[in-house]
Amino acid sequence: MANGDCNLYSGNMKRRRVSDDCAMTTETGIVRRGSHFLTLHSSTAVYQTEEFKPKGSTLYIPLSEDVMINTSKIDEITFSTGNFFIGNEQGAFLRTEQGCAINMWKFDKVSRKLFVSRSFLFTSEQVYAEVIRSLQEM
């Protein structure tokens, strides 16, 4: 074509995309617009657990590696604030700390109930706000 923006392919005309959702980055590198993946970076303010317990008895351990979560595989997300139990990498209790948690729920077809597959605790309001903003933009 005239300016190279269009190509002929198998008799069909293809056009270059002009409104792609491009990846966005912030100081913490969390936001990934146009993707179903939520990226969390390990830091001293991010903790996680795969053993969620009711009534605030969950022990969170440091997030030791960066993780990408496929949010399209999550059925429900809930948020909570309060005091949480923090442990070390081996799972031994260290202290109680105030923070904000994001719980990722999945549906178990056998028991026909929702369960928390993973929970993340943020002790930094700035990091938590970035993650919330990223979730809202998905």
C-alpha atoms as a PDB file:
ATOM      1  CA  MET A   1       0.000   0.000   0.000  1.00  0.00           C
ATOM      2  CA  ALA A   2       0.935   3.637  -0.189  1.00  0.00           C
ATOM      3  CA  ASN A   3       2.740   4.123   3.136  1.00  0.00           C
ATOM      4  CA  GLY A   4       3.344   0.503   4.189  1.00  0.00           C
ATOM      5  CA  ASP A   5       0.707   0.488   6.941  1.00  0.00           C
ATOM      6  CA  CYS A   6      -1.371  -2.247   5.303  1.00  0.00           C
ATOM      7  CA  ASN A   7      -0.323  -5.646   3.999  1.00  0.00           C
ATOM      8  CA  LEU A   8      -2.210  -8.089   1.835  1.00  0.00           C
ATOM      9  CA  TYR A   9      -2.400 -11.549   3.371  1.00  0.00           C
ATOM     10  CA  SER A  10      -4.282 -14.448   1.746  1.00  0.00           C
ATOM     11  CA  GLY A  11      -6.579 -12.037  -0.015  1.00  0.00           C
ATOM     12  CA  ASN A  12      -7.538 -10.289   3.255  1.00  0.00           C
ATOM     13  CA  MET A  13      -6.358  -6.854   4.187  1.00  0.00           C
ATOM     14  CA  LYS A  14      -4.591  -6.544   7.540  1.00  0.00           C
ATOM     15  CA  ARG A  15      -4.161  -3.216   9.255  1.00  0.00           C
ATOM     16  CA  ARG A  16      -1.583  -2.145  11.754  1.00  0.00           C
ATOM     17  CA  ARG A  17      -3.032  -1.819  15.236  1.00  0.00           C
ATOM     18  CA  VAL A  18      -3.224   1.751  16.429  1.00  0.00           C
ATOM     19  CA  SER A  19      -4.774   1.410  19.866  1.00  0.00           C
ATOM     20  CA  ASP A  20      -2.782  -1.401  21.461  1.00  0.00           C
ATOM     21  CA  ASP A  21      -2.650  -1.488  25.215  1.00  0.00           C
ATOM     22  CA  CYS A  22       1.044  -0.891  25.739  1.00  0.00           C
ATOM     23  CA  ALA A  23       2.911  -2.022  28.819  1.00  0.00           C
ATOM     24  CA  MET A  24       3.286   0.725  31.387  1.00  0.00           C
ATOM     25  CA  THR A  25       5.951   0.833  34.041  1.00  0.00           C
ATOM     26  CA  THR A  26       6.183   2.727  37.287  1.00  0.00           C
ATOM     27  CA  GLU A  27       8.938   3.201  39.851  1.00  0.00           C
ATOM     28  CA  THR A  28       8.089  -0.221  41.272  1.00  0.00           C
ATOM     29  CA  GLY A  29       7.601  -1.787  37.834  1.00  0.00           C
ATOM     30  CA  ILE A  30       4.242  -3.294  38.750  1.00  0.00           C
ATOM     31  CA  VAL A  31       1.714  -2.027  36.218  1.00  0.00           C
ATOM     32  CA  ARG A  32       1.192  -4.168  33.100  1.00  0.00           C
ATOM     33  CA  ARG A  33      -1.709  -2.671  31.154  1.00  0.00           C
ATOM     34  CA  GLY A  34      -3.464  -4.878  28.625  1.00  0.00           C
ATOM     35  CA  SER A  35      -2.350  -8.090  30.289  1.00  0.00           C
ATOM     36  CA  HIS A  36      -3.976 -10.537  32.659  1.00  0.00           C
ATOM     37  CA  PHE A  37      -0.717 -10.950  34.554  1.00  0.00           C
ATOM     38  CA  LEU A  38      -0.106  -9.086  37.785  1.00  0.00           C
ATOM     39  CA  THR A  39       3.605  -8.802  38.546  1.00  0.00           C
ATOM     40  CA  LEU A  40       4.729  -8.567  42.166  1.00  0.00           C
ATOM     41  CA  HIS A  41       8.356  -7.924  43.018  1.00  0.00           C
ATOM     42  CA  SER A  42       9.981  -9.320  46.123  1.00  0.00           C
ATOM     43  CA  SER A  43      10.785  -6.659  48.693  1.00  0.00           C
ATOM     44  CA  THR A  44      10.907  -6.152  52.433  1.00  0.00           C
ATOM     45  CA  ALA A  45       7.280  -4.941  52.301  1.00  0.00           C
ATOM     46  CA  VAL A  46       5.687  -7.894  50.444  1.00  0.00           C
ATOM     47  CA  TYR A  47       4.726 -11.194  52.081  1.00  0.00           C
ATOM     48  CA  GLN A  48       2.743 -14.199  50.895  1.00  0.00           C
ATOM     49  CA  THR A  49       1.084 -17.402  51.980  1.00  0.00           C
ATOM     50  CA  GLU A  50      -0.535 -20.389  50.324  1.00  0.00           C
ATOM     51  CA  GLU A  51      -1.895 -21.589  53.682  1.00  0.00           C
ATOM     52  CA  PHE A  52      -4.641 -19.070  54.398  1.00  0.00           C
ATOM     53  CA  LYS A  53      -6.402 -19.539  57.738  1.00  0.00           C
ATOM     54  CA  PRO A  54      -9.599 -17.802  58.876  1.00  0.00           C
ATOM     55  CA  LYS A  55      -9.901 -15.266  61.688  1.00  0.00           C
ATOM     56  CA  GLY A  56      -6.520 -13.623  61.271  1.00  0.00           C
ATOM     57  CA  SER A  57      -4.328 -16.586  62.190  1.00  0.00           C
ATOM     58  CA  THR A  58      -2.486 -16.735  58.844  1.00  0.00           C
ATOM     59  CA  LEU A  59       1.315 -16.565  58.961  1.00  0.00           C
ATOM     60  CA  TYR A  60       2.815 -14.603  56.067  1.00  0.00           C
ATOM     61  CA  ILE A  61       6.383 -15.220  54.917  1.00  0.00           C
ATOM     62  CA  PRO A  62       8.544 -12.891  52.788  1.00  0.00           C
ATOM     63  CA  LEU A  63       7.993 -13.042  49.034  1.00  0.00           C
ATOM     64  CA  SER A  64      11.430 -14.321  48.043  1.00  0.00           C
ATOM     65  CA  GLU A  65      11.064 -14.141  44.245  1.00  0.00           C
ATOM     66  CA  ASP A  66       9.277 -11.954  41.750  1.00  0.00           C
ATOM     67  CA  VAL A  67       5.973 -13.541  40.751  1.00  0.00           C
ATOM     68  CA  MET A  68       3.524 -13.088  37.885  1.00  0.00           C
ATOM     69  CA  ILE A  69      -0.079 -14.014  38.694  1.00  0.00           C
ATOM     70  CA  ASN A  70      -2.498 -14.921  35.917  1.00  0.00           C
ATOM     71  CA  THR A  71      -5.544 -13.023  37.166  1.00  0.00           C
ATOM     72  CA  SER A  72      -7.777 -14.616  34.529  1.00  0.00           C
ATOM     73  CA  LYS A  73      -7.470 -17.858  36.553  1.00  0.00           C
ATOM     74  CA  ILE A  74      -8.681 -16.171  39.765  1.00  0.00           C
ATOM     75  CA  ASP A  75     -12.425 -16.289  40.505  1.00  0.00           C
ATOM     76  CA  GLU A  76     -12.579 -13.609  43.186  1.00  0.00           C
ATOM     77  CA  ILE A  77     -10.269 -11.132  44.902  1.00  0.00           C
ATOM     78  CA  THR A  78     -10.865  -9.730  48.384  1.00  0.00           C
ATOM     79  CA  PHE A  79      -9.017  -7.090  50.364  1.00  0.00           C
ATOM     80  CA  SER A  80      -8.449  -6.685  54.092  1.00  0.00           C
ATOM     81  CA  THR A  81      -6.503  -4.462  56.442  1.00  0.00           C
ATOM     82  CA  GLY A  82      -5.361  -5.006  59.987  1.00  0.00           C
ATOM     83  CA  ASN A  83      -2.619  -6.667  61.982  1.00  0.00           C
ATOM     84  CA  PHE A  84      -1.037  -9.784  60.502  1.00  0.00           C
ATOM     85  CA  PHE A  85       1.471 -12.411  61.634  1.00  0.00           C
ATOM     86  CA  ILE A  86       4.864 -12.176  59.916  1.00  0.00           C
ATOM     87  CA  GLY A  87       7.249 -15.117  59.791  1.00  0.00           C
ATOM     88  CA  ASN A  88      10.707 -15.775  58.434  1.00  0.00           C
ATOM     89  CA  GLU A  89      11.548 -17.808  55.318  1.00  0.00           C
ATOM     90  CA  GLN A  90      11.320 -21.051  57.330  1.00  0.00           C
ATOM     91  CA  GLY A  91       7.852 -20.176  58.634  1.00  0.00           C
ATOM     92  CA  ALA A  92       8.778 -19.314  62.226  1.00  0.00           C
ATOM     93  CA  PHE A  93       6.791 -16.445  63.786  1.00  0.00           C
ATOM     94  CA  LEU A  94       8.708 -13.149  64.072  1.00  0.00           C
ATOM     95  CA  ARG A  95       6.236 -10.350  64.804  1.00  0.00           C
ATOM     96  CA  THR A  96       2.822  -8.821  64.208  1.00  0.00           C
ATOM     97  CA  GLU A  97       2.647  -5.992  61.703  1.00  0.00           C
ATOM     98  CA  GLN A  98      -0.043  -3.710  60.309  1.00  0.00           C
ATOM     99  CA  GLY A  99      -0.740  -3.990  56.591  1.00  0.00           C
ATOM    100  CA  CYS A 100      -3.122  -4.672  53.725  1.00  0.00           C
ATOM    101  CA  ALA A 101      -3.797  -8.118  52.293  1.00  0.00           C
ATOM    102  CA  ILE A 102      -5.061  -9.222  48.904  1.00  0.00           C
ATOM    103  CA  ASN A 103      -6.670 -12.666  48.881  1.00  0.00           C
ATOM    104  CA  MET A 104      -6.998 -14.575  45.610  1.00  0.00           C
ATOM    105  CA  TRP A 105      -9.923 -16.999  45.612  1.00  0.00           C
ATOM    106  CA  LYS A 106     -10.494 -19.965  43.323  1.00  0.00           C
ATOM    107  CA  PHE A 107     -13.512 -22.245  42.984  1.00  0.00           C
ATOM    108  CA  ASP A 108     -13.034 -25.921  43.861  1.00  0.00           C
ATOM    109  CA  LYS A 109     -15.336 -27.944  41.607  1.00  0.00           C
ATOM    110  CA  VAL A 110     -15.231 -31.003  43.878  1.00  0.00           C
ATOM    111  CA  SER A 111     -16.216 -29.283  47.148  1.00  0.00           C
ATOM    112  CA  ARG A 112     -18.144 -26.595  45.228  1.00  0.00           C
ATOM    113  CA  LYS A 113     -16.664 -23.879  47.452  1.00  0.00           C
ATOM    114  CA  LEU A 114     -14.322 -20.951  47.087  1.00  0.00           C
ATOM    115  CA  PHE A 115     -10.904 -21.168  48.742  1.00  0.00           C
ATOM    116  CA  VAL A 116      -7.982 -18.758  49.044  1.00  0.00           C
ATOM    117  CA  SER A 117      -5.294 -20.109  46.750  1.00  0.00           C
ATOM    118  CA  ARG A 118      -2.809 -17.374  47.607  1.00  0.00           C
ATOM    119  CA  SER A 119      -2.726 -14.300  49.787  1.00  0.00           C
ATOM    120  CA  PHE A 120      -0.316 -11.371  49.628  1.00  0.00           C
ATOM    121  CA  LEU A 121       0.388  -8.942  52.459  1.00  0.00           C
ATOM    122  CA  PHE A 122       1.764  -5.446  51.872  1.00  0.00           C
ATOM    123  CA  THR A 123       3.253  -3.453  54.730  1.00  0.00           C
ATOM    124  CA  SER A 124       3.999  -0.473  52.478  1.00  0.00           C
ATOM    125  CA  GLU A 125       1.000   1.660  51.523  1.00  0.00           C
ATOM    126  CA  GLN A 126       2.805   2.825  48.381  1.00  0.00           C
ATOM    127  CA  VAL A 127       3.395  -0.708  47.069  1.00  0.00           C
ATOM    128  CA  TYR A 128      -0.182  -1.709  47.970  1.00  0.00           C
ATOM    129  CA  ALA A 129      -1.590   1.333  46.130  1.00  0.00           C
ATOM    130  CA  GLU A 130       0.440   0.441  43.010  1.00  0.00           C
ATOM    131  CA  VAL A 131      -0.917  -3.115  43.040  1.00  0.00           C
ATOM    132  CA  ILE A 132      -4.506  -1.885  43.479  1.00  0.00           C
ATOM    133  CA  ARG A 133      -4.034   0.557  40.612  1.00  0.00           C
ATOM    134  CA  SER A 134      -2.656  -2.248  38.459  1.00  0.00           C
ATOM    135  CA  LEU A 135      -5.643  -4.481  39.260  1.00  0.00           C
ATOM    136  CA  GLN A 136      -8.079  -1.687  38.417  1.00  0.00           C
ATOM    137  CA  GLU A 137      -6.443  -1.129  35.034  1.00  0.00           C
ATOM    138  CA  MET A 138      -6.721  -4.770  33.973  1.00  0.00           C
END
